[in-house]
Amino acid sequence: MHPGDIQAEERRFGELSAFLADLVKELNELSEEGGAVLVEGKRDVEAMRGLGYVGQVFTVSILTSTEAARERLRTRVKTMVIMTDLDSEGRRLASRYVRFLAREGIEPSLGQRRRLSRASRGVFLHIENLRRFSVGGRFK
């Protein structure tokens, strides 16, 4: 790898890290107003926590498991930020859960996922891989 290539990669890493810091701050602020995040699985939850997200996180399996889970969702969450993976399966799940959440009376939000997709520029596709972009595992 040439020095110019390395510098370009470092710049890209820095830009993505800065974007993620802002995203986590936004998500934490939303959580204070009744927002939550929807991810695909346990490793995604761990990645979100590793980035510093402190709000409610739901996985797709828990979300639809029981009526009690849906009732808890309806009473605790106003807006659900959908952060499924950026691959074709993640897009399919995002579409499915936009409809599901709307039926449950919860506002779905895809804006953060779309911005993440643009910011990543194909560097990663899976939410669980976000942790490697944080400095020290947490953003301040």
N, C-alpha and C. Protein backbone atom coordinates (compact mmCIF):
# COMPACT_ATOMS: atom_id res chain seq x y z
N MET A 1 0.84 -1.17 0.00
CA MET A 1 0.00 0.00 0.00
C MET A 1 0.89 1.24 0.00
N HIS A 2 0.58 2.18 -0.81
CA HIS A 2 1.34 3.43 -0.90
C HIS A 2 0.99 4.35 0.27
N PRO A 3 1.91 5.25 0.64
CA PRO A 3 1.61 6.19 1.74
C PRO A 3 0.34 7.00 1.50
N GLY A 4 0.09 7.40 0.27
CA GLY A 4 -1.12 8.15 -0.04
C GLY A 4 -2.37 7.32 0.20
N ASP A 5 -2.31 6.02 -0.09
CA ASP A 5 -3.44 5.13 0.15
C ASP A 5 -3.70 4.98 1.65
N ILE A 6 -2.62 4.88 2.41
CA ILE A 6 -2.76 4.75 3.86
C ILE A 6 -3.37 6.01 4.44
N GLN A 7 -2.93 7.16 3.99
CA GLN A 7 -3.48 8.42 4.48
C GLN A 7 -4.96 8.55 4.11
N ALA A 8 -5.32 8.12 2.92
CA ALA A 8 -6.72 8.16 2.51
C ALA A 8 -7.57 7.25 3.40
N GLU A 9 -7.06 6.06 3.70
CA GLU A 9 -7.79 5.13 4.59
C GLU A 9 -7.94 5.71 5.98
N GLU A 10 -6.87 6.31 6.49
CA GLU A 10 -6.93 6.93 7.82
C GLU A 10 -7.95 8.06 7.86
N ARG A 11 -7.98 8.86 6.81
CA ARG A 11 -8.95 9.96 6.72
C ARG A 11 -10.37 9.40 6.69
N ARG A 12 -10.57 8.36 5.90
CA ARG A 12 -11.90 7.74 5.80
C ARG A 12 -12.33 7.16 7.15
N PHE A 13 -11.39 6.51 7.84
CA PHE A 13 -11.65 5.96 9.17
C PHE A 13 -12.05 7.09 10.12
N GLY A 14 -11.30 8.19 10.09
CA GLY A 14 -11.59 9.33 10.96
C GLY A 14 -12.95 9.93 10.68
N GLU A 15 -13.30 10.06 9.40
CA GLU A 15 -14.60 10.61 9.02
C GLU A 15 -15.73 9.71 9.52
N LEU A 16 -15.56 8.41 9.36
CA LEU A 16 -16.59 7.48 9.80
C LEU A 16 -16.70 7.47 11.33
N SER A 17 -15.57 7.54 12.01
CA SER A 17 -15.59 7.60 13.47
C SER A 17 -16.31 8.85 13.96
N ALA A 18 -16.04 9.99 13.32
CA ALA A 18 -16.72 11.24 13.69
C ALA A 18 -18.22 11.13 13.42
N PHE A 19 -18.59 10.54 12.28
CA PHE A 19 -20.00 10.35 11.97
C PHE A 19 -20.67 9.49 13.04
N LEU A 20 -20.01 8.39 13.42
CA LEU A 20 -20.59 7.48 14.42
C LEU A 20 -20.75 8.17 15.77
N ALA A 21 -19.79 9.01 16.14
CA ALA A 21 -19.91 9.75 17.40
C ALA A 21 -21.15 10.63 17.38
N ASP A 22 -21.37 11.32 16.28
CA ASP A 22 -22.56 12.17 16.14
C ASP A 22 -23.83 11.34 16.13
N LEU A 23 -23.80 10.21 15.45
CA LEU A 23 -24.97 9.34 15.38
C LEU A 23 -25.35 8.83 16.76
N VAL A 24 -24.37 8.36 17.53
CA VAL A 24 -24.65 7.85 18.88
C VAL A 24 -25.20 8.96 19.77
N LYS A 25 -24.65 10.15 19.64
CA LYS A 25 -25.17 11.28 20.41
C LYS A 25 -26.64 11.53 20.05
N GLU A 26 -26.94 11.53 18.76
CA GLU A 26 -28.32 11.71 18.30
C GLU A 26 -29.24 10.62 18.84
N LEU A 27 -28.80 9.37 18.76
CA LEU A 27 -29.62 8.26 19.24
C LEU A 27 -29.85 8.35 20.74
N ASN A 28 -28.83 8.74 21.49
CA ASN A 28 -29.00 8.89 22.94
C ASN A 28 -29.98 10.01 23.26
N GLU A 29 -29.93 11.10 22.50
CA GLU A 29 -30.88 12.20 22.71
C GLU A 29 -32.30 11.74 22.37
N LEU A 30 -32.45 10.99 21.29
CA LEU A 30 -33.77 10.45 20.94
C LEU A 30 -34.30 9.52 22.02
N SER A 31 -33.40 8.74 22.62
CA SER A 31 -33.85 7.79 23.65
C SER A 31 -34.43 8.52 24.86
N GLU A 32 -33.94 9.72 25.13
CA GLU A 32 -34.47 10.51 26.25
C GLU A 32 -35.89 11.00 25.96
N GLU A 33 -36.27 10.98 24.69
CA GLU A 33 -37.60 11.44 24.27
C GLU A 33 -38.51 10.28 23.88
N GLY A 34 -38.18 9.07 24.31
CA GLY A 34 -39.00 7.90 24.01
C GLY A 34 -38.59 7.15 22.77
N GLY A 35 -37.40 7.39 22.29
CA GLY A 35 -36.89 6.66 21.14
C GLY A 35 -36.18 5.39 21.56
N ALA A 36 -36.08 4.45 20.64
CA ALA A 36 -35.37 3.20 20.86
C ALA A 36 -34.75 2.79 19.52
N VAL A 37 -33.90 1.78 19.57
CA VAL A 37 -33.22 1.28 18.38
C VAL A 37 -33.60 -0.18 18.17
N LEU A 38 -33.81 -0.53 16.92
CA LEU A 38 -34.09 -1.91 16.53
C LEU A 38 -32.90 -2.44 15.74
N VAL A 39 -32.33 -3.56 16.20
CA VAL A 39 -31.24 -4.22 15.51
C VAL A 39 -31.61 -5.68 15.28
N GLU A 40 -30.76 -6.38 14.54
CA GLU A 40 -31.09 -7.76 14.20
C GLU A 40 -30.82 -8.77 15.32
N GLY A 41 -29.70 -8.66 16.01
CA GLY A 41 -29.37 -9.68 16.99
C GLY A 41 -28.51 -9.20 18.14
N LYS A 42 -28.10 -10.15 19.00
CA LYS A 42 -27.36 -9.84 20.22
C LYS A 42 -26.02 -9.17 19.95
N ARG A 43 -25.30 -9.58 18.92
CA ARG A 43 -24.00 -8.95 18.62
C ARG A 43 -24.20 -7.50 18.19
N ASP A 44 -25.31 -7.22 17.53
CA ASP A 44 -25.63 -5.83 17.15
C ASP A 44 -25.91 -4.99 18.39
N VAL A 45 -26.62 -5.57 19.36
CA VAL A 45 -26.87 -4.88 20.63
C VAL A 45 -25.54 -4.56 21.29
N GLU A 46 -24.64 -5.54 21.34
CA GLU A 46 -23.32 -5.33 21.95
C GLU A 46 -22.55 -4.24 21.23
N ALA A 47 -22.64 -4.20 19.90
CA ALA A 47 -21.95 -3.16 19.14
C ALA A 47 -22.51 -1.78 19.47
N MET A 48 -23.83 -1.66 19.56
CA MET A 48 -24.44 -0.38 19.90
C MET A 48 -24.00 0.07 21.30
N ARG A 49 -23.99 -0.86 22.23
CA ARG A 49 -23.55 -0.53 23.60
C ARG A 49 -22.07 -0.16 23.59
N GLY A 50 -21.27 -0.87 22.81
CA GLY A 50 -19.84 -0.57 22.72
C GLY A 50 -19.55 0.80 22.15
N LEU A 51 -20.46 1.30 21.33
CA LEU A 51 -20.32 2.65 20.77
C LEU A 51 -20.74 3.73 21.76
N GLY A 52 -21.45 3.31 22.82
CA GLY A 52 -21.90 4.28 23.81
C GLY A 52 -23.38 4.57 23.81
N TYR A 53 -24.16 3.81 23.05
CA TYR A 53 -25.61 4.01 23.06
C TYR A 53 -26.17 3.45 24.37
N VAL A 54 -26.94 4.26 25.09
CA VAL A 54 -27.43 3.86 26.40
C VAL A 54 -28.94 3.64 26.46
N GLY A 55 -29.64 3.91 25.38
CA GLY A 55 -31.10 3.79 25.37
C GLY A 55 -31.57 2.35 25.17
N GLN A 56 -32.89 2.23 24.98
CA GLN A 56 -33.50 0.92 24.76
C GLN A 56 -33.09 0.36 23.41
N VAL A 57 -32.77 -0.93 23.39
CA VAL A 57 -32.46 -1.62 22.15
C VAL A 57 -33.33 -2.86 22.09
N PHE A 58 -33.98 -3.05 20.95
CA PHE A 58 -34.80 -4.23 20.72
C PHE A 58 -34.18 -5.02 19.57
N THR A 59 -34.29 -6.34 19.66
CA THR A 59 -33.89 -7.18 18.53
C THR A 59 -35.16 -7.62 17.81
N VAL A 60 -35.01 -7.96 16.54
CA VAL A 60 -36.19 -8.35 15.76
C VAL A 60 -36.88 -9.56 16.35
N SER A 61 -36.13 -10.50 16.94
CA SER A 61 -36.77 -11.69 17.50
C SER A 61 -37.57 -11.38 18.75
N ILE A 62 -37.09 -10.50 19.59
CA ILE A 62 -37.81 -10.13 20.81
C ILE A 62 -39.05 -9.30 20.48
N LEU A 63 -38.90 -8.45 19.50
CA LEU A 63 -39.95 -7.51 19.14
C LEU A 63 -41.27 -8.21 18.81
N THR A 64 -41.20 -9.32 18.13
CA THR A 64 -42.41 -9.98 17.68
C THR A 64 -42.71 -11.27 18.43
N SER A 65 -41.99 -11.52 19.53
CA SER A 65 -42.12 -12.81 20.19
C SER A 65 -43.46 -13.02 20.91
N THR A 66 -43.93 -12.03 21.65
CA THR A 66 -45.15 -12.21 22.42
C THR A 66 -45.99 -10.93 22.41
N GLU A 67 -47.24 -11.08 22.76
CA GLU A 67 -48.10 -9.91 22.90
C GLU A 67 -47.60 -9.02 24.03
N ALA A 68 -47.06 -9.61 25.08
CA ALA A 68 -46.52 -8.82 26.19
C ALA A 68 -45.37 -7.93 25.72
N ALA A 69 -44.53 -8.47 24.85
CA ALA A 69 -43.41 -7.68 24.31
C ALA A 69 -43.93 -6.53 23.47
N ARG A 70 -44.95 -6.79 22.67
CA ARG A 70 -45.53 -5.72 21.84
C ARG A 70 -46.21 -4.66 22.71
N GLU A 71 -46.86 -5.09 23.78
CA GLU A 71 -47.50 -4.14 24.69
C GLU A 71 -46.44 -3.27 25.37
N ARG A 72 -45.34 -3.88 25.80
CA ARG A 72 -44.25 -3.12 26.41
C ARG A 72 -43.70 -2.11 25.41
N LEU A 73 -43.58 -2.54 24.17
CA LEU A 73 -43.10 -1.67 23.11
C LEU A 73 -44.04 -0.47 22.92
N ARG A 74 -45.33 -0.73 22.84
CA ARG A 74 -46.31 0.34 22.63
C ARG A 74 -46.33 1.34 23.78
N THR A 75 -46.09 0.88 25.00
CA THR A 75 -46.15 1.78 26.15
C THR A 75 -44.84 2.53 26.39
N ARG A 76 -43.72 2.03 25.91
CA ARG A 76 -42.42 2.63 26.21
C ARG A 76 -41.77 3.37 25.05
N VAL A 77 -42.19 3.10 23.83
CA VAL A 77 -41.46 3.63 22.67
C VAL A 77 -42.36 4.48 21.80
N LYS A 78 -41.90 5.70 21.51
CA LYS A 78 -42.62 6.58 20.58
C LYS A 78 -42.07 6.43 19.17
N THR A 79 -40.73 6.39 19.07
CA THR A 79 -40.06 6.30 17.77
C THR A 79 -39.06 5.16 17.83
N MET A 80 -39.05 4.33 16.79
CA MET A 80 -38.09 3.23 16.71
C MET A 80 -37.15 3.49 15.53
N VAL A 81 -35.88 3.66 15.84
CA VAL A 81 -34.85 3.83 14.82
C VAL A 81 -34.44 2.44 14.34
N ILE A 82 -34.67 2.18 13.08
CA ILE A 82 -34.36 0.86 12.51
C ILE A 82 -32.91 0.86 12.05
N MET A 83 -32.10 0.01 12.70
CA MET A 83 -30.67 -0.09 12.39
C MET A 83 -30.32 -1.53 12.02
N THR A 84 -31.06 -2.07 11.06
CA THR A 84 -30.73 -3.39 10.56
C THR A 84 -29.50 -3.29 9.67
N ASP A 85 -28.89 -4.46 9.38
CA ASP A 85 -27.69 -4.49 8.56
C ASP A 85 -27.93 -3.81 7.22
N LEU A 86 -26.85 -3.44 6.58
CA LEU A 86 -26.91 -2.69 5.33
C LEU A 86 -26.87 -3.59 4.10
N ASP A 87 -27.08 -4.88 4.30
CA ASP A 87 -27.12 -5.84 3.19
C ASP A 87 -28.57 -6.05 2.73
N SER A 88 -28.76 -6.95 1.78
CA SER A 88 -30.12 -7.15 1.23
C SER A 88 -31.08 -7.70 2.29
N GLU A 89 -30.62 -8.58 3.15
CA GLU A 89 -31.48 -9.10 4.22
C GLU A 89 -31.87 -7.98 5.19
N GLY A 90 -30.93 -7.12 5.50
CA GLY A 90 -31.21 -5.98 6.38
C GLY A 90 -32.23 -5.04 5.77
N ARG A 91 -32.12 -4.82 4.46
CA ARG A 91 -33.11 -3.96 3.77
C ARG A 91 -34.49 -4.60 3.83
N ARG A 92 -34.55 -5.91 3.63
CA ARG A 92 -35.83 -6.62 3.68
C ARG A 92 -36.45 -6.51 5.08
N LEU A 93 -35.62 -6.72 6.10
CA LEU A 93 -36.11 -6.61 7.47
C LEU A 93 -36.56 -5.19 7.80
N ALA A 94 -35.81 -4.20 7.35
CA ALA A 94 -36.18 -2.81 7.60
C ALA A 94 -37.55 -2.52 7.03
N SER A 95 -37.78 -2.95 5.81
CA SER A 95 -39.07 -2.72 5.17
C SER A 95 -40.19 -3.42 5.96
N ARG A 96 -39.94 -4.63 6.37
CA ARG A 96 -40.92 -5.40 7.13
C ARG A 96 -41.27 -4.69 8.44
N TYR A 97 -40.25 -4.19 9.14
CA TYR A 97 -40.50 -3.60 10.45
C TYR A 97 -41.03 -2.18 10.37
N VAL A 98 -40.85 -1.49 9.28
CA VAL A 98 -41.52 -0.21 9.09
C VAL A 98 -43.02 -0.44 9.14
N ARG A 99 -43.49 -1.45 8.42
CA ARG A 99 -44.93 -1.76 8.40
C ARG A 99 -45.41 -2.26 9.77
N PHE A 100 -44.63 -3.15 10.39
CA PHE A 100 -45.00 -3.70 11.69
C PHE A 100 -45.15 -2.58 12.73
N LEU A 101 -44.14 -1.71 12.80
CA LEU A 101 -44.16 -0.64 13.81
C LEU A 101 -45.31 0.32 13.57
N ALA A 102 -45.58 0.64 12.32
CA ALA A 102 -46.70 1.54 12.00
C ALA A 102 -48.01 0.92 12.49
N ARG A 103 -48.18 -0.38 12.30
CA ARG A 103 -49.40 -1.05 12.79
C ARG A 103 -49.50 -0.99 14.31
N GLU A 104 -48.36 -0.99 14.99
CA GLU A 104 -48.33 -0.94 16.45
C GLU A 104 -48.46 0.48 16.99
N GLY A 105 -48.53 1.47 16.10
CA GLY A 105 -48.67 2.85 16.52
C GLY A 105 -47.35 3.52 16.92
N ILE A 106 -46.25 2.98 16.44
CA ILE A 106 -44.92 3.51 16.75
C ILE A 106 -44.34 4.08 15.46
N GLU A 107 -43.76 5.27 15.57
CA GLU A 107 -43.18 5.90 14.39
C GLU A 107 -41.84 5.23 14.05
N PRO A 108 -41.74 4.62 12.87
CA PRO A 108 -40.46 4.04 12.46
C PRO A 108 -39.57 5.13 11.85
N SER A 109 -38.27 5.00 12.06
CA SER A 109 -37.33 5.96 11.50
C SER A 109 -36.21 5.22 10.77
N LEU A 110 -36.07 5.53 9.50
CA LEU A 110 -35.00 4.94 8.67
C LEU A 110 -33.89 5.95 8.34
N GLY A 111 -34.08 7.19 8.73
CA GLY A 111 -33.14 8.24 8.36
C GLY A 111 -31.72 7.97 8.84
N GLN A 112 -31.57 7.51 10.07
CA GLN A 112 -30.25 7.24 10.62
C GLN A 112 -29.58 6.08 9.86
N ARG A 113 -30.36 5.07 9.54
CA ARG A 113 -29.82 3.92 8.79
C ARG A 113 -29.35 4.36 7.40
N ARG A 114 -30.13 5.20 6.76
CA ARG A 114 -29.75 5.70 5.43
C ARG A 114 -28.46 6.52 5.50
N ARG A 115 -28.37 7.38 6.51
CA ARG A 115 -27.15 8.19 6.66
C ARG A 115 -25.95 7.31 6.96
N LEU A 116 -26.14 6.28 7.77
CA LEU A 116 -25.06 5.35 8.07
C LEU A 116 -24.60 4.64 6.80
N SER A 117 -25.53 4.23 5.98
CA SER A 117 -25.19 3.57 4.72
C SER A 117 -24.36 4.48 3.83
N ARG A 118 -24.76 5.72 3.72
CA ARG A 118 -23.99 6.68 2.91
C ARG A 118 -22.60 6.93 3.51
N ALA A 119 -22.55 7.09 4.82
CA ALA A 119 -21.28 7.39 5.49
C ALA A 119 -20.30 6.22 5.40
N SER A 120 -20.81 5.00 5.44
CA SER A 120 -19.93 3.82 5.42
C SER A 120 -19.32 3.58 4.05
N ARG A 121 -20.01 4.05 3.00
CA ARG A 121 -19.52 3.89 1.63
C ARG A 121 -19.07 2.45 1.34
N GLY A 122 -19.81 1.50 1.86
CA GLY A 122 -19.51 0.10 1.60
C GLY A 122 -18.39 -0.49 2.42
N VAL A 123 -17.86 0.26 3.40
CA VAL A 123 -16.77 -0.25 4.24
C VAL A 123 -17.25 -1.45 5.05
N PHE A 124 -18.48 -1.42 5.51
CA PHE A 124 -19.03 -2.54 6.26
C PHE A 124 -20.51 -2.66 5.92
N LEU A 125 -21.05 -3.84 6.16
CA LEU A 125 -22.47 -4.07 5.91
C LEU A 125 -23.23 -4.46 7.17
N HIS A 126 -22.51 -4.87 8.21
CA HIS A 126 -23.14 -5.43 9.40
C HIS A 126 -22.96 -4.52 10.60
N ILE A 127 -24.04 -4.27 11.30
CA ILE A 127 -24.03 -3.38 12.46
C ILE A 127 -23.04 -3.87 13.51
N GLU A 128 -22.91 -5.16 13.66
CA GLU A 128 -21.99 -5.70 14.67
C GLU A 128 -20.54 -5.26 14.43
N ASN A 129 -20.22 -4.86 13.21
CA ASN A 129 -18.85 -4.42 12.89
C ASN A 129 -18.60 -2.95 13.21
N LEU A 130 -19.61 -2.23 13.66
CA LEU A 130 -19.44 -0.81 13.97
C LEU A 130 -18.42 -0.56 15.06
N ARG A 131 -18.33 -1.46 16.01
CA ARG A 131 -17.46 -1.25 17.16
C ARG A 131 -16.01 -1.00 16.76
N ARG A 132 -15.58 -1.60 15.68
CA ARG A 132 -14.17 -1.44 15.30
C ARG A 132 -13.86 -0.02 14.82
N PHE A 133 -14.88 0.78 14.59
CA PHE A 133 -14.67 2.16 14.14
C PHE A 133 -14.63 3.16 15.28
N SER A 134 -14.94 2.72 16.48
CA SER A 134 -14.88 3.64 17.60
C SER A 134 -13.46 3.66 18.17
N VAL A 135 -13.09 4.74 18.75
CA VAL A 135 -11.78 4.88 19.35
C VAL A 135 -11.92 4.49 20.81
N GLY A 136 -11.25 3.43 21.21
CA GLY A 136 -11.35 2.98 22.59
C GLY A 136 -12.68 2.33 22.91
N GLY A 137 -13.46 1.97 21.91
CA GLY A 137 -14.71 1.28 22.13
C GLY A 137 -15.89 2.17 22.49
N ARG A 138 -15.65 3.44 22.81
CA ARG A 138 -16.74 4.35 23.18
C ARG A 138 -16.45 5.74 22.67
N PHE A 139 -17.51 6.41 22.29
CA PHE A 139 -17.39 7.81 21.90
C PHE A 139 -17.74 8.67 23.08
N LYS A 140 -17.15 9.79 23.18
CA LYS A 140 -17.46 10.73 24.27
C LYS A 140 -18.49 11.71 23.78
